[in-house]
Every structure is written in C-alpha cells, then in structure tokens.
Amino acid sequence: VQLQASGGGLVQPGGSQRLSCVASGFSFRSTPMYWLRQAPGKGLELISGISSAGSTKHYIDSVKGRFTISRDNVKNTLYLQMDNILFEDAAEYYCAKDDRGDDRGQGTQVTVSS
C-alpha cells in the first residue's frame, strides 16, 4: 500500500489549498478513504471521509462548509479542497484507507501565516 499526499505549503488565512493523495497497491475504487491531520503537539484527528464511489462524504464540524473531499477512481487519487483556511488548520495532513489513520501514507504540511 502506498499513499502519497502532496499540495501542502504556506497559505494565508482566508486562502485556499488543494491537497492530493495518489494511491497504489490496493483497490482504491473499492475503498472508502479519509483525510486526517496532526497539528504540532496534538493527536491525529480525522477530518473527513468519502465512500468508495464518492457519493457519501463526512466532515468534522470545524471544517464543514470550508473543506471538500473528492476522489477520482480512474486516477486513483483523493483530494481535499481547503477554502477559507484558518490558523487552526495548520497541520500535517495525511490520507488514509482507515479512519484511525493506522494505514496512512506520507503527509503534506500546511502552514498558515499572514
């Protein structure tokens, strides 16, 4: 199983960022997928999930209305569109094939600074 997240970087509050995660080594199209994040000094936090077909999506309250999860089962890629980014969104972001993040890949860092 390989999960490679990318797209992080430095963003201003109120800005947008699009994260991607390319998956390989398993049947991506048959697997629900998740985004998690870990801020400095804090634990791993599940923030969003999407069903295998992409028809069902879930978000935690703090990102609802600002973040959008999606997937492309042809490209084996998971996305997280982050809009109206807040300081508290700064974290290392991971994609995972389980909602605890036990099977997560390399993360991508999102830094929020004005």
PDB file of N, CA and C in Angstrom:
ATOM      1  N   VAL A   1       0.848  -1.191   0.000  1.00  0.00           N
ATOM      2  CA  VAL A   1       0.000   0.000   0.000  1.00  0.00           C
ATOM      3  C   VAL A   1       0.884   1.242   0.000  1.00  0.00           C
ATOM      4  N   GLN A   2       0.599   2.117  -0.924  1.00  0.00           N
ATOM      5  CA  GLN A   2       1.307   3.403  -0.945  1.00  0.00           C
ATOM      6  C   GLN A   2       0.305   4.537  -1.066  1.00  0.00           C
ATOM      7  N   LEU A   3       0.475   5.536  -0.200  1.00  0.00           N
ATOM      8  CA  LEU A   3      -0.366   6.723  -0.211  1.00  0.00           C
ATOM      9  C   LEU A   3       0.556   7.927  -0.133  1.00  0.00           C
ATOM     10  N   GLN A   4       0.557   8.715  -1.168  1.00  0.00           N
ATOM     11  CA  GLN A   4       1.475   9.852  -1.232  1.00  0.00           C
ATOM     12  C   GLN A   4       0.685  11.141  -1.320  1.00  0.00           C
ATOM     13  N   ALA A   5       0.683  11.894  -0.234  1.00  0.00           N
ATOM     14  CA  ALA A   5      -0.019  13.182  -0.204  1.00  0.00           C
ATOM     15  C   ALA A   5       0.893  14.295  -0.692  1.00  0.00           C
ATOM     16  N   SER A   6       0.297  15.290  -1.314  1.00  0.00           N
ATOM     17  CA  SER A   6       1.041  16.445  -1.797  1.00  0.00           C
ATOM     18  C   SER A   6       0.118  17.653  -1.853  1.00  0.00           C
ATOM     19  N   GLY A   7       0.700  18.807  -2.107  1.00  0.00           N
ATOM     20  CA  GLY A   7      -0.106  20.011  -2.266  1.00  0.00           C
ATOM     21  C   GLY A   7      -0.060  20.970  -1.100  1.00  0.00           C
ATOM     22  N   GLY A   8       0.595  20.572  -0.035  1.00  0.00           N
ATOM     23  CA  GLY A   8       0.709  21.462   1.105  1.00  0.00           C
ATOM     24  C   GLY A   8       1.647  22.619   0.816  1.00  0.00           C
ATOM     25  N   GLY A   9       1.718  23.521   1.777  1.00  0.00           N
ATOM     26  CA  GLY A   9       2.597  24.671   1.616  1.00  0.00           C
ATOM     27  C   GLY A   9       2.177  25.794   2.531  1.00  0.00           C
ATOM     28  N   LEU A  10       2.677  26.969   2.236  1.00  0.00           N
ATOM     29  CA  LEU A  10       2.370  28.155   3.025  1.00  0.00           C
ATOM     30  C   LEU A  10       1.145  28.851   2.434  1.00  0.00           C
ATOM     31  N   VAL A  11       0.178  29.145   3.283  1.00  0.00           N
ATOM     32  CA  VAL A  11      -1.047  29.796   2.829  1.00  0.00           C
ATOM     33  C   VAL A  11      -1.447  30.855   3.844  1.00  0.00           C
ATOM     34  N   GLN A  12      -2.045  31.914   3.357  1.00  0.00           N
ATOM     35  CA  GLN A  12      -2.519  32.972   4.242  1.00  0.00           C
ATOM     36  C   GLN A  12      -3.893  32.625   4.790  1.00  0.00           C
ATOM     37  N   PRO A  13      -4.236  33.125   5.953  1.00  0.00           N
ATOM     38  CA  PRO A  13      -5.604  32.922   6.460  1.00  0.00           C
ATOM     39  C   PRO A  13      -6.612  33.433   5.442  1.00  0.00           C
ATOM     40  N   GLY A  14      -7.660  32.658   5.248  1.00  0.00           N
ATOM     41  CA  GLY A  14      -8.651  33.015   4.244  1.00  0.00           C
ATOM     42  C   GLY A  14      -8.343  32.484   2.866  1.00  0.00           C
ATOM     43  N   GLY A  15      -7.169  31.933   2.701  1.00  0.00           N
ATOM     44  CA  GLY A  15      -6.759  31.414   1.404  1.00  0.00           C
ATOM     45  C   GLY A  15      -7.248  30.001   1.157  1.00  0.00           C
ATOM     46  N   SER A  16      -6.811  29.451   0.031  1.00  0.00           N
ATOM     47  CA  SER A  16      -7.219  28.105  -0.374  1.00  0.00           C
ATOM     48  C   SER A  16      -5.998  27.248  -0.695  1.00  0.00           C
ATOM     49  N   GLN A  17      -6.212  25.966  -0.573  1.00  0.00           N
ATOM     50  CA  GLN A  17      -5.157  24.996  -0.891  1.00  0.00           C
ATOM     51  C   GLN A  17      -5.849  23.716  -1.327  1.00  0.00           C
ATOM     52  N   ARG A  18      -5.251  23.015  -2.292  1.00  0.00           N
ATOM     53  CA  ARG A  18      -5.820  21.736  -2.715  1.00  0.00           C
ATOM     54  C   ARG A  18      -4.799  20.639  -2.486  1.00  0.00           C
ATOM     55  N   LEU A  19      -5.160  19.700  -1.649  1.00  0.00           N
ATOM     56  CA  LEU A  19      -4.290  18.567  -1.377  1.00  0.00           C
ATOM     57  C   LEU A  19      -4.687  17.391  -2.267  1.00  0.00           C
ATOM     58  N   SER A  20      -3.688  16.623  -2.652  1.00  0.00           N
ATOM     59  CA  SER A  20      -3.916  15.413  -3.442  1.00  0.00           C
ATOM     60  C   SER A  20      -3.245  14.242  -2.759  1.00  0.00           C
ATOM     61  N   CYS A  21      -3.762  13.069  -3.030  1.00  0.00           N
ATOM     62  CA  CYS A  21      -3.159  11.850  -2.490  1.00  0.00           C
ATOM     63  C   CYS A  21      -3.277  10.759  -3.545  1.00  0.00           C
ATOM     64  N   VAL A  22      -2.151  10.315  -4.053  1.00  0.00           N
ATOM     65  CA  VAL A  22      -2.138   9.257  -5.052  1.00  0.00           C
ATOM     66  C   VAL A  22      -1.982   7.914  -4.351  1.00  0.00           C
ATOM     67  N   ALA A  23      -2.853   6.995  -4.674  1.00  0.00           N
ATOM     68  CA  ALA A  23      -2.871   5.686  -4.013  1.00  0.00           C
ATOM     69  C   ALA A  23      -2.450   4.583  -4.970  1.00  0.00           C
ATOM     70  N   SER A  24      -1.798   3.583  -4.413  1.00  0.00           N
ATOM     71  CA  SER A  24      -1.443   2.410  -5.195  1.00  0.00           C
ATOM     72  C   SER A  24      -1.283   1.209  -4.267  1.00  0.00           C
ATOM     73  N   GLY A  25      -1.333   0.024  -4.859  1.00  0.00           N
ATOM     74  CA  GLY A  25      -1.109  -1.189  -4.073  1.00  0.00           C
ATOM     75  C   GLY A  25      -2.362  -1.803  -3.467  1.00  0.00           C
ATOM     76  N   PHE A  26      -3.504  -1.221  -3.735  1.00  0.00           N
ATOM     77  CA  PHE A  26      -4.766  -1.787  -3.270  1.00  0.00           C
ATOM     78  C   PHE A  26      -5.870  -1.314  -4.211  1.00  0.00           C
ATOM     79  N   SER A  27      -7.052  -1.851  -4.011  1.00  0.00           N
ATOM     80  CA  SER A  27      -8.168  -1.483  -4.868  1.00  0.00           C
ATOM     81  C   SER A  27      -8.773  -0.158  -4.404  1.00  0.00           C
ATOM     82  N   PHE A  28      -8.224   0.915  -4.920  1.00  0.00           N
ATOM     83  CA  PHE A  28      -8.657   2.248  -4.491  1.00  0.00           C
ATOM     84  C   PHE A  28     -10.149   2.450  -4.720  1.00  0.00           C
ATOM     85  N   ARG A  29     -10.630   2.040  -5.884  1.00  0.00           N
ATOM     86  CA  ARG A  29     -12.014   2.312  -6.232  1.00  0.00           C
ATOM     87  C   ARG A  29     -13.014   1.591  -5.320  1.00  0.00           C
ATOM     88  N   SER A  30     -12.539   0.597  -4.586  1.00  0.00           N
ATOM     89  CA  SER A  30     -13.416  -0.176  -3.702  1.00  0.00           C
ATOM     90  C   SER A  30     -13.273   0.217  -2.236  1.00  0.00           C
ATOM     91  N   THR A  31     -12.455   1.205  -1.964  1.00  0.00           N
ATOM     92  CA  THR A  31     -12.066   1.523  -0.596  1.00  0.00           C
ATOM     93  C   THR A  31     -12.516   2.915  -0.181  1.00  0.00           C
ATOM     94  N   PRO A  32     -13.273   3.028   0.915  1.00  0.00           N
ATOM     95  CA  PRO A  32     -13.528   4.359   1.476  1.00  0.00           C
ATOM     96  C   PRO A  32     -12.196   4.989   1.879  1.00  0.00           C
ATOM     97  N   MET A  33     -12.110   6.282   1.760  1.00  0.00           N
ATOM     98  CA  MET A  33     -10.859   6.969   2.051  1.00  0.00           C
ATOM     99  C   MET A  33     -11.080   8.119   3.015  1.00  0.00           C
ATOM    100  N   TYR A  34      -9.991   8.529   3.656  1.00  0.00           N
ATOM    101  CA  TYR A  34     -10.083   9.525   4.723  1.00  0.00           C
ATOM    102  C   TYR A  34      -8.921  10.509   4.660  1.00  0.00           C
ATOM    103  N   TRP A  35      -9.197  11.700   5.150  1.00  0.00           N
ATOM    104  CA  TRP A  35      -8.153  12.687   5.424  1.00  0.00           C
ATOM    105  C   TRP A  35      -8.072  12.875   6.938  1.00  0.00           C
ATOM    106  N   LEU A  36      -6.853  12.889   7.448  1.00  0.00           N
ATOM    107  CA  LEU A  36      -6.587  13.172   8.854  1.00  0.00           C
ATOM    108  C   LEU A  36      -5.529  14.246   8.912  1.00  0.00           C
ATOM    109  N   ARG A  37      -5.394  14.854  10.073  1.00  0.00           N
ATOM    110  CA  ARG A  37      -4.356  15.858  10.249  1.00  0.00           C
ATOM    111  C   ARG A  37      -3.804  15.785  11.671  1.00  0.00           C
ATOM    112  N   GLN A  38      -2.589  16.281  11.802  1.00  0.00           N
ATOM    113  CA  GLN A  38      -1.959  16.344  13.114  1.00  0.00           C
ATOM    114  C   GLN A  38      -1.262  17.682  13.255  1.00  0.00           C
ATOM    115  N   ALA A  39      -1.762  18.484  14.159  1.00  0.00           N
ATOM    116  CA  ALA A  39      -1.149  19.776  14.442  1.00  0.00           C
ATOM    117  C   ALA A  39      -0.019  19.568  15.445  1.00  0.00           C
ATOM    118  N   PRO A  40       0.930  20.480  15.501  1.00  0.00           N
ATOM    119  CA  PRO A  40       2.053  20.351  16.435  1.00  0.00           C
ATOM    120  C   PRO A  40       1.571  20.179  17.869  1.00  0.00           C
ATOM    121  N   GLY A  41       2.053  19.159  18.535  1.00  0.00           N
ATOM    122  CA  GLY A  41       1.718  18.933  19.926  1.00  0.00           C
ATOM    123  C   GLY A  41       0.351  18.315  20.164  1.00  0.00           C
ATOM    124  N   LYS A  42      -0.345  17.954  19.077  1.00  0.00           N
ATOM    125  CA  LYS A  42      -1.683  17.393  19.214  1.00  0.00           C
ATOM    126  C   LYS A  42      -1.744  16.001  18.582  1.00  0.00           C
ATOM    127  N   GLY A  43      -2.829  15.320  18.844  1.00  0.00           N
ATOM    128  CA  GLY A  43      -3.002  13.982  18.313  1.00  0.00           C
ATOM    129  C   GLY A  43      -3.533  13.990  16.893  1.00  0.00           C
ATOM    130  N   LEU A  44      -3.564  12.824  16.315  1.00  0.00           N
ATOM    131  CA  LEU A  44      -4.079  12.668  14.953  1.00  0.00           C
ATOM    132  C   LEU A  44      -5.595  12.848  14.974  1.00  0.00           C
ATOM    133  N   GLU A  45      -6.097  13.638  14.043  1.00  0.00           N
ATOM    134  CA  GLU A  45      -7.515  13.999  14.016  1.00  0.00           C
ATOM    135  C   GLU A  45      -8.122  13.630  12.672  1.00  0.00           C
ATOM    136  N   LEU A  46      -9.177  12.834  12.700  1.00  0.00           N
ATOM    137  CA  LEU A  46      -9.919  12.528  11.475  1.00  0.00           C
ATOM    138  C   LEU A  46     -10.756  13.740  11.092  1.00  0.00           C
ATOM    139  N   ILE A  47     -10.634  14.213   9.863  1.00  0.00           N
ATOM    140  CA  ILE A  47     -11.386  15.399   9.482  1.00  0.00           C
ATOM    141  C   ILE A  47     -12.413  15.139   8.393  1.00  0.00           C
ATOM    142  N   SER A  48     -12.223  14.126   7.588  1.00  0.00           N
ATOM    143  CA  SER A  48     -13.166  13.894   6.508  1.00  0.00           C
ATOM    144  C   SER A  48     -13.052  12.481   5.969  1.00  0.00           C
ATOM    145  N   GLY A  49     -14.172  11.974   5.456  1.00  0.00           N
ATOM    146  CA  GLY A  49     -14.181  10.654   4.835  1.00  0.00           C
ATOM    147  C   GLY A  49     -15.086  10.648   3.621  1.00  0.00           C
ATOM    148  N   ILE A  50     -14.821   9.721   2.719  1.00  0.00           N
ATOM    149  CA  ILE A  50     -15.622   9.617   1.493  1.00  0.00           C
ATOM    150  C   ILE A  50     -15.807   8.147   1.157  1.00  0.00           C
ATOM    151  N   SER A  51     -16.999   7.802   0.710  1.00  0.00           N
ATOM    152  CA  SER A  51     -17.277   6.422   0.350  1.00  0.00           C
ATOM    153  C   SER A  51     -16.528   6.034  -0.919  1.00  0.00           C
ATOM    154  N   SER A  52     -16.524   4.765  -1.218  1.00  0.00           N
ATOM    155  CA  SER A  52     -15.736   4.277  -2.346  1.00  0.00           C
ATOM    156  C   SER A  52     -16.179   4.893  -3.676  1.00  0.00           C
ATOM    157  N   ALA A  53     -17.469   5.098  -3.837  1.00  0.00           N
ATOM    158  CA  ALA A  53     -17.973   5.691  -5.078  1.00  0.00           C
ATOM    159  C   ALA A  53     -17.996   7.212  -5.034  1.00  0.00           C
ATOM    160  N   GLY A  54     -17.735   7.763  -3.871  1.00  0.00           N
ATOM    161  CA  GLY A  54     -17.723   9.220  -3.730  1.00  0.00           C
ATOM    162  C   GLY A  54     -19.085   9.825  -3.464  1.00  0.00           C
ATOM    163  N   SER A  55     -20.079   9.001  -3.245  1.00  0.00           N
ATOM    164  CA  SER A  55     -21.437   9.514  -3.095  1.00  0.00           C
ATOM    165  C   SER A  55     -21.735   9.993  -1.680  1.00  0.00           C
ATOM    166  N   THR A  56     -20.985   9.512  -0.709  1.00  0.00           N
ATOM    167  CA  THR A  56     -21.202   9.885   0.692  1.00  0.00           C
ATOM    168  C   THR A  56     -19.933  10.519   1.247  1.00  0.00           C
ATOM    169  N   LYS A  57     -20.103  11.668   1.873  1.00  0.00           N
ATOM    170  CA  LYS A  57     -18.952  12.391   2.426  1.00  0.00           C
ATOM    171  C   LYS A  57     -19.267  12.823   3.850  1.00  0.00           C
ATOM    172  N   HIS A  58     -18.255  12.837   4.685  1.00  0.00           N
ATOM    173  CA  HIS A  58     -18.414  13.261   6.060  1.00  0.00           C
ATOM    174  C   HIS A  58     -17.302  14.238   6.418  1.00  0.00           C
ATOM    175  N   TYR A  59     -17.638  15.190   7.295  1.00  0.00           N
ATOM    176  CA  TYR A  59     -16.677  16.180   7.756  1.00  0.00           C
ATOM    177  C   TYR A  59     -16.870  16.410   9.250  1.00  0.00           C
ATOM    178  N   ILE A  60     -15.785  16.767   9.919  1.00  0.00           N
ATOM    179  CA  ILE A  60     -15.961  17.230  11.285  1.00  0.00           C
ATOM    180  C   ILE A  60     -16.491  18.661  11.226  1.00  0.00           C
ATOM    181  N   ASP A  61     -17.113  19.086  12.316  1.00  0.00           N
ATOM    182  CA  ASP A  61     -17.778  20.380  12.317  1.00  0.00           C
ATOM    183  C   ASP A  61     -16.837  21.543  12.003  1.00  0.00           C
ATOM    184  N   SER A  62     -15.609  21.455  12.462  1.00  0.00           N
ATOM    185  CA  SER A  62     -14.706  22.591  12.320  1.00  0.00           C
ATOM    186  C   SER A  62     -14.277  22.855  10.873  1.00  0.00           C
ATOM    187  N   VAL A  63     -14.468  21.885   9.984  1.00  0.00           N
ATOM    188  CA  VAL A  63     -14.095  22.095   8.579  1.00  0.00           C
ATOM    189  C   VAL A  63     -15.298  22.079   7.653  1.00  0.00           C
ATOM    190  N   LYS A  64     -16.457  21.744   8.188  1.00  0.00           N
ATOM    191  CA  LYS A  64     -17.669  21.650   7.372  1.00  0.00           C
ATOM    192  C   LYS A  64     -17.975  23.007   6.736  1.00  0.00           C
ATOM    193  N   GLY A  65     -18.249  22.991   5.439  1.00  0.00           N
ATOM    194  CA  GLY A  65     -18.524  24.228   4.726  1.00  0.00           C
ATOM    195  C   GLY A  65     -17.292  24.917   4.193  1.00  0.00           C
ATOM    196  N   ARG A  66     -16.108  24.477   4.629  1.00  0.00           N
ATOM    197  CA  ARG A  66     -14.855  25.087   4.155  1.00  0.00           C
ATOM    198  C   ARG A  66     -14.011  24.094   3.356  1.00  0.00           C
ATOM    199  N   PHE A  67     -14.046  22.830   3.736  1.00  0.00           N
ATOM    200  CA  PHE A  67     -13.261  21.789   3.070  1.00  0.00           C
ATOM    201  C   PHE A  67     -14.185  20.893   2.249  1.00  0.00           C
ATOM    202  N   THR A  68     -13.668  20.402   1.126  1.00  0.00           N
ATOM    203  CA  THR A  68     -14.417  19.483   0.284  1.00  0.00           C
ATOM    204  C   THR A  68     -13.542  18.301  -0.089  1.00  0.00           C
ATOM    205  N   ILE A  69     -14.007  17.122   0.246  1.00  0.00           N
ATOM    206  CA  ILE A  69     -13.291  15.900  -0.112  1.00  0.00           C
ATOM    207  C   ILE A  69     -13.861  15.362  -1.422  1.00  0.00           C
ATOM    208  N   SER A  70     -12.995  14.826  -2.252  1.00  0.00           N
ATOM    209  CA  SER A  70     -13.450  14.220  -3.507  1.00  0.00           C
ATOM    210  C   SER A  70     -12.435  13.169  -3.932  1.00  0.00           C
ATOM    211  N   ARG A  71     -12.784  12.429  -4.946  1.00  0.00           N
ATOM    212  CA  ARG A  71     -11.884  11.388  -5.421  1.00  0.00           C
ATOM    213  C   ARG A  71     -12.073  11.154  -6.904  1.00  0.00           C
ATOM    214  N   ASP A  72     -11.020  10.646  -7.532  1.00  0.00           N
ATOM    215  CA  ASP A  72     -11.060  10.251  -8.934  1.00  0.00           C
ATOM    216  C   ASP A  72     -10.612   8.795  -8.983  1.00  0.00           C
ATOM    217  N   ASN A  73     -11.561   7.912  -9.172  1.00  0.00           N
ATOM    218  CA  ASN A  73     -11.256   6.483  -9.139  1.00  0.00           C
ATOM    219  C   ASN A  73     -10.563   5.989 -10.413  1.00  0.00           C
ATOM    220  N   VAL A  74     -10.481   6.826 -11.418  1.00  0.00           N
ATOM    221  CA  VAL A  74      -9.705   6.479 -12.612  1.00  0.00           C
ATOM    222  C   VAL A  74      -8.234   6.806 -12.376  1.00  0.00           C
ATOM    223  N   LYS A  75      -7.994   7.922 -11.716  1.00  0.00           N
ATOM    224  CA  LYS A  75      -6.621   8.352 -11.427  1.00  0.00           C
ATOM    225  C   LYS A  75      -6.114   7.839 -10.087  1.00  0.00           C
ATOM    226  N   ASN A  76      -6.942   7.095  -9.356  1.00  0.00           N
ATOM    227  CA  ASN A  76      -6.555   6.595  -8.022  1.00  0.00           C
ATOM    228  C   ASN A  76      -6.072   7.737  -7.127  1.00  0.00           C
ATOM    229  N   THR A  77      -6.816   8.809  -7.129  1.00  0.00           N
ATOM    230  CA  THR A  77      -6.392   9.993  -6.398  1.00  0.00           C
ATOM    231  C   THR A  77      -7.520  10.530  -5.524  1.00  0.00           C
ATOM    232  N   LEU A  78      -7.146  10.882  -4.314  1.00  0.00           N
ATOM    233  CA  LEU A  78      -8.036  11.508  -3.341  1.00  0.00           C
ATOM    234  C   LEU A  78      -7.662  12.979  -3.240  1.00  0.00           C
ATOM    235  N   TYR A  79      -8.661  13.834  -3.076  1.00  0.00           N
ATOM    236  CA  TYR A  79      -8.418  15.275  -2.984  1.00  0.00           C
ATOM    237  C   TYR A  79      -9.031  15.859  -1.723  1.00  0.00           C
ATOM    238  N   LEU A  80      -8.464  16.975  -1.299  1.00  0.00           N
ATOM    239  CA  LEU A  80      -9.075  17.784  -0.254  1.00  0.00           C
ATOM    240  C   LEU A  80      -8.922  19.246  -0.666  1.00  0.00           C
ATOM    241  N   GLN A  81     -10.035  19.850  -1.030  1.00  0.00           N
ATOM    242  CA  GLN A  81     -10.055  21.272  -1.333  1.00  0.00           C
ATOM    243  C   GLN A  81     -10.305  22.029  -0.041  1.00  0.00           C
ATOM    244  N   MET A  82      -9.361  22.885   0.320  1.00  0.00           N
ATOM    245  CA  MET A  82      -9.438  23.641   1.560  1.00  0.00           C
ATOM    246  C   MET A  82      -9.654  25.101   1.210  1.00  0.00           C
ATOM    247  N   ASP A  83     -10.769  25.661   1.642  1.00  0.00           N
ATOM    248  CA  ASP A  83     -11.075  27.065   1.396  1.00  0.00           C
ATOM    249  C   ASP A  83     -11.262  27.792   2.723  1.00  0.00           C
ATOM    250  N   ASN A  84     -11.112  29.092   2.682  1.00  0.00           N
ATOM    251  CA  ASN A  84     -11.247  29.911   3.891  1.00  0.00           C
ATOM    252  C   ASN A  84     -10.438  29.314   5.040  1.00  0.00           C
ATOM    253  N   ILE A  85      -9.179  29.086   4.764  1.00  0.00           N
ATOM    254  CA  ILE A  85      -8.292  28.427   5.727  1.00  0.00           C
ATOM    255  C   ILE A  85      -8.077  29.312   6.941  1.00  0.00           C
ATOM    256  N   LEU A  86      -8.083  28.669   8.100  1.00  0.00           N
ATOM    257  CA  LEU A  86      -7.882  29.352   9.373  1.00  0.00           C
ATOM    258  C   LEU A  86      -6.521  28.987   9.962  1.00  0.00           C
ATOM    259  N   PHE A  87      -6.066  29.781  10.923  1.00  0.00           N
ATOM    260  CA  PHE A  87      -4.791  29.479  11.585  1.00  0.00           C
ATOM    261  C   PHE A  87      -4.806  28.058  12.165  1.00  0.00           C
ATOM    262  N   GLU A  88      -5.938  27.671  12.717  1.00  0.00           N
ATOM    263  CA  GLU A  88      -6.019  26.359  13.368  1.00  0.00           C
ATOM    264  C   GLU A  88      -6.025  25.194  12.388  1.00  0.00           C
ATOM    265  N   ASP A  89      -6.025  25.468  11.095  1.00  0.00           N
ATOM    266  CA  ASP A  89      -5.917  24.403  10.098  1.00  0.00           C
ATOM    267  C   ASP A  89      -4.473  24.001   9.832  1.00  0.00           C
ATOM    268  N   ALA A  90      -3.536  24.717  10.388  1.00  0.00           N
ATOM    269  CA  ALA A  90      -2.123  24.382  10.197  1.00  0.00           C
ATOM    270  C   ALA A  90      -1.829  23.021  10.802  1.00  0.00           C
ATOM    271  N   ALA A  91      -1.304  22.125   9.988  1.00  0.00           N
ATOM    272  CA  ALA A  91      -1.066  20.754  10.441  1.00  0.00           C
ATOM    273  C   ALA A  91      -0.385  19.966   9.340  1.00  0.00           C
ATOM    274  N   GLU A  92       0.036  18.766   9.714  1.00  0.00           N
ATOM    275  CA  GLU A  92       0.463  17.787   8.718  1.00  0.00           C
ATOM    276  C   GLU A  92      -0.789  17.024   8.312  1.00  0.00           C
ATOM    277  N   TYR A  93      -1.047  16.933   7.024  1.00  0.00           N
ATOM    278  CA  TYR A  93      -2.251  16.285   6.518  1.00  0.00           C
ATOM    279  C   TYR A  93      -1.895  14.946   5.899  1.00  0.00           C
ATOM    280  N   TYR A  94      -2.702  13.943   6.233  1.00  0.00           N
ATOM    281  CA  TYR A  94      -2.489  12.588   5.754  1.00  0.00           C
ATOM    282  C   TYR A  94      -3.747  12.043   5.098  1.00  0.00           C
ATOM    283  N   CYS A  95      -3.566  11.235   4.076  1.00  0.00           N
ATOM    284  CA  CYS A  95      -4.685  10.446   3.577  1.00  0.00           C
ATOM    285  C   CYS A  95      -4.518   9.024   4.099  1.00  0.00           C
ATOM    286  N   ALA A  96      -5.621   8.347   4.265  1.00  0.00           N
ATOM    287  CA  ALA A  96      -5.578   7.004   4.850  1.00  0.00           C
ATOM    288  C   ALA A  96      -6.730   6.161   4.316  1.00  0.00           C
ATOM    289  N   LYS A  97      -6.545   4.859   4.377  1.00  0.00           N
ATOM    290  CA  LYS A  97      -7.616   3.930   3.969  1.00  0.00           C
ATOM    291  C   LYS A  97      -8.361   3.375   5.163  1.00  0.00           C
ATOM    292  N   ASP A  98      -8.087   3.920   6.358  1.00  0.00           N
ATOM    293  CA  ASP A  98      -8.880   3.597   7.537  1.00  0.00           C
ATOM    294  C   ASP A  98      -9.086   4.878   8.339  1.00  0.00           C
ATOM    295  N   ASP A  99     -10.155   4.929   9.119  1.00  0.00           N
ATOM    296  CA  ASP A  99     -10.492   6.196   9.769  1.00  0.00           C
ATOM    297  C   ASP A  99      -9.689   6.475  11.031  1.00  0.00           C
ATOM    298  N   ARG A 100      -8.831   5.560  11.431  1.00  0.00           N
ATOM    299  CA  ARG A 100      -7.936   5.836  12.565  1.00  0.00           C
ATOM    300  C   ARG A 100      -6.558   6.288  12.071  1.00  0.00           C
ATOM    301  N   GLY A 101      -6.340   6.153  10.789  1.00  0.00           N
ATOM    302  CA  GLY A 101      -5.056   6.570  10.245  1.00  0.00           C
ATOM    303  C   GLY A 101      -3.943   5.562  10.457  1.00  0.00           C
ATOM    304  N   ASP A 102      -4.299   4.333  10.862  1.00  0.00           N
ATOM    305  CA  ASP A 102      -3.267   3.318  11.073  1.00  0.00           C
ATOM    306  C   ASP A 102      -2.549   2.998   9.768  1.00  0.00           C
ATOM    307  N   ASP A 103      -3.285   3.101   8.671  1.00  0.00           N
ATOM    308  CA  ASP A 103      -2.737   2.780   7.357  1.00  0.00           C
ATOM    309  C   ASP A 103      -2.689   4.058   6.532  1.00  0.00           C
ATOM    310  N   ARG A 104      -1.877   4.993   6.956  1.00  0.00           N
ATOM    311  CA  ARG A 104      -1.785   6.274   6.279  1.00  0.00           C
ATOM    312  C   ARG A 104      -0.426   6.405   5.599  1.00  0.00           C
ATOM    313  N   GLY A 105      -0.387   7.295   4.664  1.00  0.00           N
ATOM    314  CA  GLY A 105       0.844   7.482   3.938  1.00  0.00           C
ATOM    315  C   GLY A 105       1.631   8.663   4.456  1.00  0.00           C
ATOM    316  N   GLN A 106       2.599   9.064   3.647  1.00  0.00           N
ATOM    317  CA  GLN A 106       3.392  10.236   3.977  1.00  0.00           C
ATOM    318  C   GLN A 106       2.514  11.472   3.901  1.00  0.00           C
ATOM    319  N   GLY A 107       2.649  12.362   4.840  1.00  0.00           N
ATOM    320  CA  GLY A 107       1.803  13.527   4.907  1.00  0.00           C
ATOM    321  C   GLY A 107       2.330  14.702   4.118  1.00  0.00           C
ATOM    322  N   THR A 108       1.534  15.753   4.110  1.00  0.00           N
ATOM    323  CA  THR A 108       1.947  17.008   3.493  1.00  0.00           C
ATOM    324  C   THR A 108       1.620  18.131   4.474  1.00  0.00           C
ATOM    325  N   GLN A 109       2.560  19.053   4.630  1.00  0.00           N
ATOM    326  CA  GLN A 109       2.444  20.086   5.656  1.00  0.00           C
ATOM    327  C   GLN A 109       1.713  21.304   5.120  1.00  0.00           C
ATOM    328  N   VAL A 110       0.739  21.773   5.875  1.00  0.00           N
ATOM    329  CA  VAL A 110       0.061  23.029   5.571  1.00  0.00           C
ATOM    330  C   VAL A 110       0.419  24.021   6.668  1.00  0.00           C
ATOM    331  N   THR A 111       1.029  25.110   6.270  1.00  0.00           N
ATOM    332  CA  THR A 111       1.431  26.166   7.192  1.00  0.00           C
ATOM    333  C   THR A 111       0.572  27.397   6.915  1.00  0.00           C
ATOM    334  N   VAL A 112       0.011  27.959   7.968  1.00  0.00           N
ATOM    335  CA  VAL A 112      -0.862  29.123   7.818  1.00  0.00           C
ATOM    336  C   VAL A 112      -0.200  30.325   8.472  1.00  0.00           C
ATOM    337  N   SER A 113       0.052  31.329   7.678  1.00  0.00           N
ATOM    338  CA  SER A 113       0.729  32.507   8.197  1.00  0.00           C
ATOM    339  C   SER A 113       0.349  33.720   7.376  1.00  0.00           C
ATOM    340  N   SER A 114       0.217  34.844   8.075  1.00  0.00           N
ATOM    341  CA  SER A 114      -0.076  36.092   7.373  1.00  0.00           C
ATOM    342  C   SER A 114       1.212  36.864   7.125  1.00  0.00           C
TER     343      SER A 114
END
